[in-house]
Amino acid sequence: MGNYLDTWLDEYVVLDLETTGFSAARDAIIDIGAARIVEGRVVEEFSQLINPDRPVSRRITQLTGITNDMLDGQPSIETVLPEFLDRLGSNVLLGHNISFDLGFLNHNAQLVVGHPLPNDYMDTMRLSRKLFPQERTHKLEALIRRFDIADVEEHRGLSDAIQTAQCYEYMKRFARGC
């Protein structure tokens, strides 16, 4: 597994997963959303629904908008993960509360490709706590409001990933005094 970086980068891959629950060992990834960011711009996107081979609860459907019908016929994690990892390469990963996403990715990578991800990573939640210690909450939704980033209706992997990148870019400008 890679190392946590506490720095400002101009190139990274931002990631968000949607899952059937909170346990990497018992639950499944149902959506991978990622974008390669270079100098603040999206240069490549990855978005894939994944069939978890189990029903998605009503609570998860209400949260994500992802239904069982949407997942029927989608590829398995065994098909999707190698392609995603290939596209990810050695890029630094960025996420909001990324330990959640890394738990699922590393668990599944161990099962599918035989090892966890070696990528270094950054966490916008940790960066927000460091830059704005006076703020009461550091949830992604709070940062989106605080930084006046356009919100989206759906809570899906790719849209959340892009909003996470926008939050990171805002914090980077703030930290640099721009």
Protein backbone atom coordinates (compact mmCIF):
# COMPACT_ATOMS: atom_id res chain seq x y z
CA MET A 1 0.00 0.00 0.00
CA GLY A 2 1.17 3.50 -0.80
CA ASN A 3 1.87 6.39 1.54
CA TYR A 4 -0.28 9.32 2.59
CA LEU A 5 0.92 12.57 1.01
CA ASP A 6 0.26 15.96 2.57
CA THR A 7 1.10 18.11 -0.42
CA TRP A 8 -0.30 20.03 -3.38
CA LEU A 9 -0.07 18.27 -6.72
CA ASP A 10 -0.91 19.34 -10.26
CA GLU A 11 -1.53 15.79 -11.50
CA TYR A 12 -3.51 13.07 -9.76
CA VAL A 13 -6.47 10.72 -10.11
CA VAL A 14 -9.51 11.59 -8.03
CA LEU A 15 -11.71 8.67 -7.02
CA ASP A 16 -15.06 7.92 -5.44
CA LEU A 17 -16.77 4.58 -4.91
CA GLU A 18 -20.36 3.71 -4.19
CA THR A 19 -20.87 0.49 -2.25
CA THR A 20 -23.60 -1.74 -0.85
CA GLY A 21 -22.53 -0.92 2.73
CA PHE A 22 -19.64 0.04 4.97
CA SER A 23 -17.66 -3.21 5.34
CA ALA A 24 -15.05 -3.96 2.68
CA ALA A 25 -15.10 -7.63 3.71
CA ARG A 26 -18.90 -8.07 3.60
CA ASP A 27 -20.14 -5.45 1.13
CA ALA A 28 -19.46 -4.78 -2.55
CA ILE A 29 -18.43 -1.93 -4.84
CA ILE A 30 -21.30 -0.95 -7.16
CA ASP A 31 -19.84 2.17 -8.82
CA ILE A 32 -16.31 3.37 -9.54
CA GLY A 33 -15.94 6.97 -10.61
CA ALA A 34 -12.57 8.53 -11.27
CA ALA A 35 -10.99 11.36 -13.21
CA ARG A 36 -7.40 12.14 -14.12
CA ILE A 37 -6.72 15.78 -13.27
CA VAL A 38 -3.85 17.76 -14.80
CA GLU A 39 -3.37 21.38 -13.73
CA GLY A 40 -6.93 21.58 -12.44
CA ARG A 41 -8.58 20.16 -15.56
CA VAL A 42 -10.27 16.83 -16.14
CA VAL A 43 -8.31 15.08 -18.91
CA GLU A 44 -9.78 11.58 -18.59
CA GLU A 45 -12.82 10.05 -16.90
CA PHE A 46 -13.69 6.55 -15.75
CA SER A 47 -17.21 5.61 -14.68
CA GLN A 48 -18.49 2.07 -14.33
CA LEU A 49 -21.39 0.45 -12.55
CA ILE A 50 -20.59 -3.00 -11.16
CA ASN A 51 -22.92 -5.93 -10.58
CA PRO A 52 -22.46 -6.94 -6.93
CA ASP A 53 -24.24 -10.31 -7.37
CA ARG A 54 -26.55 -9.37 -4.49
CA PRO A 55 -29.49 -7.01 -4.10
CA VAL A 56 -28.86 -3.36 -3.28
CA SER A 57 -30.82 -2.14 -0.27
CA ARG A 58 -33.47 0.55 -0.55
CA ARG A 59 -31.28 2.79 1.65
CA ILE A 60 -28.37 2.56 -0.82
CA THR A 61 -30.71 3.20 -3.75
CA GLN A 62 -32.10 6.28 -1.99
CA LEU A 63 -28.59 7.55 -1.28
CA THR A 64 -27.04 6.86 -4.70
CA GLY A 65 -29.91 6.57 -7.12
CA ILE A 66 -28.43 3.22 -8.19
CA THR A 67 -31.11 0.55 -8.56
CA ASN A 68 -30.91 -3.21 -8.88
CA ASP A 69 -32.19 -2.88 -12.46
CA MET A 70 -29.29 -0.54 -13.29
CA LEU A 71 -26.80 -3.14 -12.02
CA ASP A 72 -28.32 -6.10 -13.86
CA GLY A 73 -26.09 -6.96 -16.80
CA GLN A 74 -23.18 -4.82 -15.58
CA PRO A 75 -19.71 -6.40 -15.38
CA SER A 76 -18.33 -7.92 -12.18
CA ILE A 77 -15.58 -6.41 -10.04
CA GLU A 78 -13.27 -9.15 -11.41
CA THR A 79 -13.74 -7.65 -14.89
CA VAL A 80 -13.75 -3.95 -13.97
CA LEU A 81 -10.95 -3.72 -11.41
CA PRO A 82 -8.03 -4.81 -13.65
CA GLU A 83 -9.07 -2.26 -16.30
CA PHE A 84 -9.40 0.47 -13.68
CA LEU A 85 -6.01 -0.35 -12.13
CA ASP A 86 -4.41 -0.33 -15.58
CA ARG A 87 -5.80 3.13 -16.28
CA LEU A 88 -4.84 4.33 -12.80
CA GLY A 89 -1.21 3.36 -13.27
CA SER A 90 1.14 4.84 -10.68
CA ASN A 91 -0.79 8.11 -10.28
CA VAL A 92 -1.41 9.53 -6.83
CA LEU A 93 -5.00 8.92 -5.69
CA LEU A 94 -7.14 11.67 -4.20
CA GLY A 95 -10.41 11.10 -2.39
CA HIS A 96 -12.65 12.47 0.32
CA ASN A 97 -12.34 10.24 3.37
CA ILE A 98 -10.23 8.08 1.07
CA SER A 99 -9.57 5.45 3.74
CA PHE A 100 -13.11 4.18 3.07
CA ASP A 101 -12.47 3.85 -0.68
CA LEU A 102 -8.99 2.38 -0.18
CA GLY A 103 -10.39 -0.23 2.19
CA PHE A 104 -12.72 -1.48 -0.55
CA LEU A 105 -10.15 -1.12 -3.35
CA ASN A 106 -7.37 -2.86 -1.45
CA HIS A 107 -9.64 -5.69 -0.28
CA ASN A 108 -10.86 -6.30 -3.83
CA ALA A 109 -7.42 -5.81 -5.40
CA GLN A 110 -6.02 -8.45 -3.05
CA LEU A 111 -8.73 -10.88 -4.17
CA VAL A 112 -8.64 -10.05 -7.89
CA VAL A 113 -4.99 -9.24 -8.67
CA GLY A 114 -3.25 -10.64 -5.60
CA HIS A 115 -1.99 -7.43 -3.98
CA PRO A 116 -3.19 -4.08 -2.63
CA LEU A 117 -2.71 -0.83 -4.52
CA PRO A 118 0.83 0.58 -4.32
CA ASN A 119 -0.34 4.14 -5.10
CA ASP A 120 0.32 7.07 -2.80
CA TYR A 121 -2.82 8.93 -1.80
CA MET A 122 -4.25 12.19 -0.45
CA ASP A 123 -7.44 12.94 1.47
CA THR A 124 -9.46 16.15 1.04
CA MET A 125 -11.13 15.57 4.41
CA ARG A 126 -7.76 15.58 6.19
CA LEU A 127 -6.61 18.59 4.18
CA SER A 128 -9.80 20.47 5.08
CA ARG A 129 -9.32 19.72 8.78
CA LYS A 130 -5.78 21.05 8.56
CA LEU A 131 -6.67 24.22 6.60
CA PHE A 132 -9.98 24.99 8.32
CA PRO A 133 -9.73 23.65 11.90
CA GLN A 134 -12.41 26.09 13.07
CA GLU A 135 -15.07 24.48 10.87
CA ARG A 136 -17.47 22.07 12.58
CA THR A 137 -17.86 19.61 9.71
CA HIS A 138 -15.63 18.51 6.87
CA LYS A 139 -18.07 16.31 4.96
CA LEU A 140 -17.90 16.61 1.17
CA GLU A 141 -21.34 18.26 1.06
CA ALA A 142 -20.16 20.90 3.56
CA LEU A 143 -17.04 21.68 1.51
CA ILE A 144 -19.11 21.96 -1.67
CA ARG A 145 -21.32 24.57 0.03
CA ARG A 146 -18.42 26.35 1.75
CA PHE A 147 -16.41 26.66 -1.47
CA ASP A 148 -19.48 27.56 -3.57
CA ILE A 149 -19.05 24.60 -5.91
CA ALA A 150 -22.01 23.69 -8.10
CA ASP A 151 -23.85 20.80 -6.48
CA VAL A 152 -25.35 17.89 -8.38
CA GLU A 153 -28.49 15.95 -7.56
CA GLU A 154 -27.01 12.47 -7.79
CA HIS A 155 -24.62 10.90 -5.33
CA ARG A 156 -22.61 8.84 -7.81
CA GLY A 157 -18.95 7.96 -8.15
CA LEU A 158 -17.90 10.20 -11.03
CA SER A 159 -19.86 13.29 -9.97
CA ASP A 160 -18.58 12.99 -6.38
CA ALA A 161 -15.02 12.46 -7.64
CA ILE A 162 -15.13 15.59 -9.78
CA GLN A 163 -16.56 17.63 -6.91
CA THR A 164 -13.77 16.28 -4.69
CA ALA A 165 -11.20 17.49 -7.24
CA GLN A 166 -12.88 20.92 -7.29
CA CYS A 167 -12.63 21.07 -3.48
CA TYR A 168 -8.95 20.07 -3.64
CA GLU A 169 -8.20 22.73 -6.26
CA TYR A 170 -9.99 25.34 -4.12
CA MET A 171 -7.97 24.36 -1.04
CA LYS A 172 -4.76 24.38 -3.08
CA ARG A 173 -5.44 27.97 -4.22
CA PHE A 174 -6.39 28.95 -0.66
CA ALA A 175 -3.19 27.44 0.78
CA ARG A 176 -1.07 29.19 -1.84
CA GLY A 177 -2.80 32.51 -1.14
CA CYS A 178 -4.32 32.79 -4.61
